[in-house]
PDB file of N, CA and C in Angstrom:
ATOM      1  N   UNK A   1      18.830 -64.809  13.909  1.00  0.00           N
ATOM      2  CA  UNK A   1      19.355 -63.473  13.750  1.00  0.00           C
ATOM      3  C   UNK A   1      19.222 -63.037  12.292  1.00  0.00           C
ATOM      4  N   UNK A   2      18.789 -61.819  12.125  1.00  0.00           N
ATOM      5  CA  UNK A   2      18.637 -61.247  10.790  1.00  0.00           C
ATOM      6  C   UNK A   2      19.625 -60.100  10.612  1.00  0.00           C
ATOM      7  N   UNK A   3      20.120 -59.938   9.406  1.00  0.00           N
ATOM      8  CA  UNK A   3      20.978 -58.799   9.096  1.00  0.00           C
ATOM      9  C   UNK A   3      20.098 -57.597   8.768  1.00  0.00           C
ATOM     10  N   UNK A   4      20.709 -56.436   8.714  1.00  0.00           N
ATOM     11  CA  UNK A   4      19.971 -55.220   8.358  1.00  0.00           C
ATOM     12  C   UNK A   4      19.385 -55.345   6.956  1.00  0.00           C
ATOM     13  N   UNK A   5      20.112 -55.949   6.058  1.00  0.00           N
ATOM     14  CA  UNK A   5      19.636 -56.135   4.682  1.00  0.00           C
ATOM     15  C   UNK A   5      18.398 -57.040   4.663  1.00  0.00           C
ATOM     16  N   UNK A   6      18.419 -58.110   5.447  1.00  0.00           N
ATOM     17  CA  UNK A   6      17.269 -59.017   5.516  1.00  0.00           C
ATOM     18  C   UNK A   6      16.053 -58.320   6.119  1.00  0.00           C
ATOM     19  N   UNK A   7      16.289 -57.532   7.174  1.00  0.00           N
ATOM     20  CA  UNK A   7      15.197 -56.792   7.811  1.00  0.00           C
ATOM     21  C   UNK A   7      14.602 -55.790   6.823  1.00  0.00           C
ATOM     22  N   UNK A   8      15.460 -55.098   6.095  1.00  0.00           N
ATOM     23  CA  UNK A   8      14.988 -54.119   5.112  1.00  0.00           C
ATOM     24  C   UNK A   8      14.100 -54.790   4.062  1.00  0.00           C
ATOM     25  N   UNK A   9      14.509 -55.940   3.573  1.00  0.00           N
ATOM     26  CA  UNK A   9      13.712 -56.659   2.579  1.00  0.00           C
ATOM     27  C   UNK A   9      12.395 -57.136   3.183  1.00  0.00           C
ATOM     28  N   UNK A  10      12.450 -57.643   4.395  1.00  0.00           N
ATOM     29  CA  UNK A  10      11.263 -58.173   5.072  1.00  0.00           C
ATOM     30  C   UNK A  10      10.234 -57.082   5.347  1.00  0.00           C
ATOM     31  N   UNK A  11      10.714 -55.902   5.777  1.00  0.00           N
ATOM     32  CA  UNK A  11       9.822 -54.793   6.118  1.00  0.00           C
ATOM     33  C   UNK A  11       9.554 -53.855   4.943  1.00  0.00           C
ATOM     34  N   UNK A  12      10.213 -54.124   3.816  1.00  0.00           N
ATOM     35  CA  UNK A  12      10.106 -53.274   2.623  1.00  0.00           C
ATOM     36  C   UNK A  12      10.537 -51.844   2.926  1.00  0.00           C
ATOM     37  N   UNK A  13      11.693 -51.735   3.562  1.00  0.00           N
ATOM     38  CA  UNK A  13      12.302 -50.447   3.886  1.00  0.00           C
ATOM     39  C   UNK A  13      13.679 -50.400   3.256  1.00  0.00           C
ATOM     40  N   UNK A  14      14.271 -49.214   3.247  1.00  0.00           N
ATOM     41  CA  UNK A  14      15.662 -49.122   2.810  1.00  0.00           C
ATOM     42  C   UNK A  14      16.566 -49.530   3.972  1.00  0.00           C
ATOM     43  N   UNK A  15      17.771 -49.911   3.649  1.00  0.00           N
ATOM     44  CA  UNK A  15      18.732 -50.267   4.699  1.00  0.00           C
ATOM     45  C   UNK A  15      19.003 -49.057   5.581  1.00  0.00           C
ATOM     46  N   UNK A  16      19.075 -47.877   4.983  1.00  0.00           N
ATOM     47  CA  UNK A  16      19.298 -46.656   5.759  1.00  0.00           C
ATOM     48  C   UNK A  16      18.200 -46.465   6.793  1.00  0.00           C
ATOM     49  N   UNK A  17      16.956 -46.724   6.414  1.00  0.00           N
ATOM     50  CA  UNK A  17      15.843 -46.598   7.360  1.00  0.00           C
ATOM     51  C   UNK A  17      15.992 -47.601   8.494  1.00  0.00           C
ATOM     52  N   UNK A  18      16.394 -48.818   8.183  1.00  0.00           N
ATOM     53  CA  UNK A  18      16.606 -49.836   9.227  1.00  0.00           C
ATOM     54  C   UNK A  18      17.694 -49.369  10.188  1.00  0.00           C
ATOM     55  N   UNK A  19      18.793 -48.846   9.656  1.00  0.00           N
ATOM     56  CA  UNK A  19      19.866 -48.336  10.519  1.00  0.00           C
ATOM     57  C   UNK A  19      19.363 -47.190  11.391  1.00  0.00           C
ATOM     58  N   UNK A  20      18.585 -46.291  10.808  1.00  0.00           N
ATOM     59  CA  UNK A  20      18.048 -45.157  11.571  1.00  0.00           C
ATOM     60  C   UNK A  20      17.099 -45.623  12.668  1.00  0.00           C
ATOM     61  N   UNK A  21      16.250 -46.597  12.374  1.00  0.00           N
ATOM     62  CA  UNK A  21      15.341 -47.144  13.384  1.00  0.00           C
ATOM     63  C   UNK A  21      16.126 -47.805  14.515  1.00  0.00           C
ATOM     64  N   UNK A  22      17.181 -48.504  14.162  1.00  0.00           N
ATOM     65  CA  UNK A  22      18.013 -49.158  15.177  1.00  0.00           C
ATOM     66  C   UNK A  22      18.736 -48.119  16.029  1.00  0.00           C
ATOM     67  N   UNK A  23      19.283 -47.107  15.390  1.00  0.00           N
ATOM     68  CA  UNK A  23      20.023 -46.070  16.119  1.00  0.00           C
ATOM     69  C   UNK A  23      19.115 -45.285  17.060  1.00  0.00           C
ATOM     70  N   UNK A  24      17.851 -45.097  16.664  1.00  0.00           N
ATOM     71  CA  UNK A  24      16.917 -44.339  17.503  1.00  0.00           C
ATOM     72  C   UNK A  24      16.266 -45.201  18.580  1.00  0.00           C
ATOM     73  N   UNK A  25      16.458 -46.511  18.494  1.00  0.00           N
ATOM     74  CA  UNK A  25      15.873 -47.411  19.484  1.00  0.00           C
ATOM     75  C   UNK A  25      14.481 -47.897  19.127  1.00  0.00           C
ATOM     76  N   UNK A  26      13.965 -47.480  17.983  1.00  0.00           N
ATOM     77  CA  UNK A  26      12.629 -47.920  17.565  1.00  0.00           C
ATOM     78  C   UNK A  26      12.622 -49.382  17.130  1.00  0.00           C
ATOM     79  N   UNK A  27      13.762 -49.870  16.687  1.00  0.00           N
ATOM     80  CA  UNK A  27      13.915 -51.269  16.308  1.00  0.00           C
ATOM     81  C   UNK A  27      15.110 -51.801  17.088  1.00  0.00           C
ATOM     82  N   UNK A  28      14.840 -52.690  18.021  1.00  0.00           N
ATOM     83  CA  UNK A  28      15.912 -53.181  18.878  1.00  0.00           C
ATOM     84  C   UNK A  28      16.803 -54.157  18.121  1.00  0.00           C
ATOM     85  N   UNK A  29      18.073 -53.913  18.226  1.00  0.00           N
ATOM     86  CA  UNK A  29      19.068 -54.767  17.605  1.00  0.00           C
ATOM     87  C   UNK A  29      20.380 -54.579  18.330  1.00  0.00           C
ATOM     88  N   UNK A  30      21.410 -55.235  17.856  1.00  0.00           N
ATOM     89  CA  UNK A  30      22.724 -55.063  18.464  1.00  0.00           C
ATOM     90  C   UNK A  30      23.787 -55.185  17.388  1.00  0.00           C
ATOM     91  N   UNK A  31      24.929 -54.624  17.695  1.00  0.00           N
ATOM     92  CA  UNK A  31      26.022 -54.627  16.738  1.00  0.00           C
ATOM     93  C   UNK A  31      27.001 -55.745  17.059  1.00  0.00           C
ATOM     94  N   UNK A  32      27.427 -56.418  16.018  1.00  0.00           N
ATOM     95  CA  UNK A  32      28.522 -57.376  16.093  1.00  0.00           C
ATOM     96  C   UNK A  32      29.585 -56.804  15.171  1.00  0.00           C
ATOM     97  N   UNK A  33      30.620 -56.240  15.769  1.00  0.00           N
ATOM     98  CA  UNK A  33      31.605 -55.527  14.965  1.00  0.00           C
ATOM     99  C   UNK A  33      30.950 -54.305  14.359  1.00  0.00           C
ATOM    100  N   UNK A  34      30.953 -54.220  13.039  1.00  0.00           N
ATOM    101  CA  UNK A  34      30.323 -53.089  12.354  1.00  0.00           C
ATOM    102  C   UNK A  34      28.917 -53.416  11.852  1.00  0.00           C
ATOM    103  N   UNK A  35      28.486 -54.654  12.034  1.00  0.00           N
ATOM    104  CA  UNK A  35      27.203 -55.101  11.484  1.00  0.00           C
ATOM    105  C   UNK A  35      26.101 -55.136  12.532  1.00  0.00           C
ATOM    106  N   UNK A  36      24.910 -54.727  12.132  1.00  0.00           N
ATOM    107  CA  UNK A  36      23.738 -54.825  12.995  1.00  0.00           C
ATOM    108  C   UNK A  36      23.105 -56.191  12.823  1.00  0.00           C
ATOM    109  N   UNK A  37      22.588 -56.736  13.927  1.00  0.00           N
ATOM    110  CA  UNK A  37      21.827 -57.984  13.912  1.00  0.00           C
ATOM    111  C   UNK A  37      20.535 -57.763  14.680  1.00  0.00           C
ATOM    112  N   UNK A  38      19.477 -58.424  14.229  1.00  0.00           N
ATOM    113  CA  UNK A  38      18.157 -58.234  14.807  1.00  0.00           C
ATOM    114  C   UNK A  38      17.509 -59.585  15.063  1.00  0.00           C
ATOM    115  N   UNK A  39      16.823 -59.686  16.193  1.00  0.00           N
ATOM    116  CA  UNK A  39      16.050 -60.887  16.501  1.00  0.00           C
ATOM    117  C   UNK A  39      14.790 -60.860  15.636  1.00  0.00           C
ATOM    118  N   UNK A  40      14.419 -62.006  15.119  1.00  0.00           N
ATOM    119  CA  UNK A  40      13.201 -62.091  14.310  1.00  0.00           C
ATOM    120  C   UNK A  40      11.986 -61.619  15.108  1.00  0.00           C
ATOM    121  N   UNK A  41      11.951 -61.932  16.407  1.00  0.00           N
ATOM    122  CA  UNK A  41      10.815 -61.528  17.249  1.00  0.00           C
ATOM    123  C   UNK A  41      10.697 -60.006  17.339  1.00  0.00           C
ATOM    124  N   UNK A  42      11.825 -59.295  17.347  1.00  0.00           N
ATOM    125  CA  UNK A  42      11.796 -57.830  17.389  1.00  0.00           C
ATOM    126  C   UNK A  42      11.246 -57.259  16.086  1.00  0.00           C
ATOM    127  N   UNK A  43      11.584 -57.888  14.982  1.00  0.00           N
ATOM    128  CA  UNK A  43      11.071 -57.442  13.684  1.00  0.00           C
ATOM    129  C   UNK A  43       9.559 -57.663  13.632  1.00  0.00           C
ATOM    130  N   UNK A  44       9.098 -58.797  14.142  1.00  0.00           N
ATOM    131  CA  UNK A  44       7.660 -59.077  14.165  1.00  0.00           C
ATOM    132  C   UNK A  44       6.923 -58.092  15.061  1.00  0.00           C
ATOM    133  N   UNK A  45       7.556 -57.685  16.170  1.00  0.00           N
ATOM    134  CA  UNK A  45       6.951 -56.670  17.039  1.00  0.00           C
ATOM    135  C   UNK A  45       6.797 -55.358  16.279  1.00  0.00           C
ATOM    136  N   UNK A  46       7.794 -55.004  15.508  1.00  0.00           N
ATOM    137  CA  UNK A  46       7.757 -53.768  14.714  1.00  0.00           C
ATOM    138  C   UNK A  46       6.588 -53.805  13.729  1.00  0.00           C
ATOM    139  N   UNK A  47       6.361 -54.959  13.129  1.00  0.00           N
ATOM    140  CA  UNK A  47       5.245 -55.111  12.195  1.00  0.00           C
ATOM    141  C   UNK A  47       3.924 -54.933  12.935  1.00  0.00           C
ATOM    142  N   UNK A  48       3.814 -55.525  14.111  1.00  0.00           N
ATOM    143  CA  UNK A  48       2.582 -55.428  14.903  1.00  0.00           C
ATOM    144  C   UNK A  48       2.295 -53.984  15.297  1.00  0.00           C
ATOM    145  N   UNK A  49       3.315 -53.260  15.711  1.00  0.00           N
ATOM    146  CA  UNK A  49       3.146 -51.855  16.099  1.00  0.00           C
ATOM    147  C   UNK A  49       2.719 -51.028  14.889  1.00  0.00           C
ATOM    148  N   UNK A  50       3.352 -51.260  13.757  1.00  0.00           N
ATOM    149  CA  UNK A  50       3.034 -50.495  12.549  1.00  0.00           C
ATOM    150  C   UNK A  50       1.611 -50.780  12.066  1.00  0.00           C
ATOM    151  N   UNK A  51       1.150 -52.010  12.249  1.00  0.00           N
ATOM    152  CA  UNK A  51      -0.194 -52.351  11.770  1.00  0.00           C
ATOM    153  C   UNK A  51      -1.291 -51.747  12.640  1.00  0.00           C
ATOM    154  N   UNK A  52      -0.955 -51.362  13.868  1.00  0.00           N
ATOM    155  CA  UNK A  52      -1.937 -50.734  14.759  1.00  0.00           C
ATOM    156  C   UNK A  52      -2.163 -49.266  14.429  1.00  0.00           C
ATOM    157  N   UNK A  53      -1.268 -48.669  13.672  1.00  0.00           N
ATOM    158  CA  UNK A  53      -1.356 -47.232  13.364  1.00  0.00           C
ATOM    159  C   UNK A  53      -2.373 -46.943  12.312  1.00  0.00           C
TER     160      UNK A  53
END
């Protein structure tokens, strides 16, 4: 599990962008309390989709 901060660093995005992607469903994640968590496989899928553009 990755935090939003870790995902932002990994994808070279701002944390706000990660939250927006999660809220819009473009980056699948789930909330534990107030914190977002992301599967590493979902982050890798996001990279694959972005590289096809």
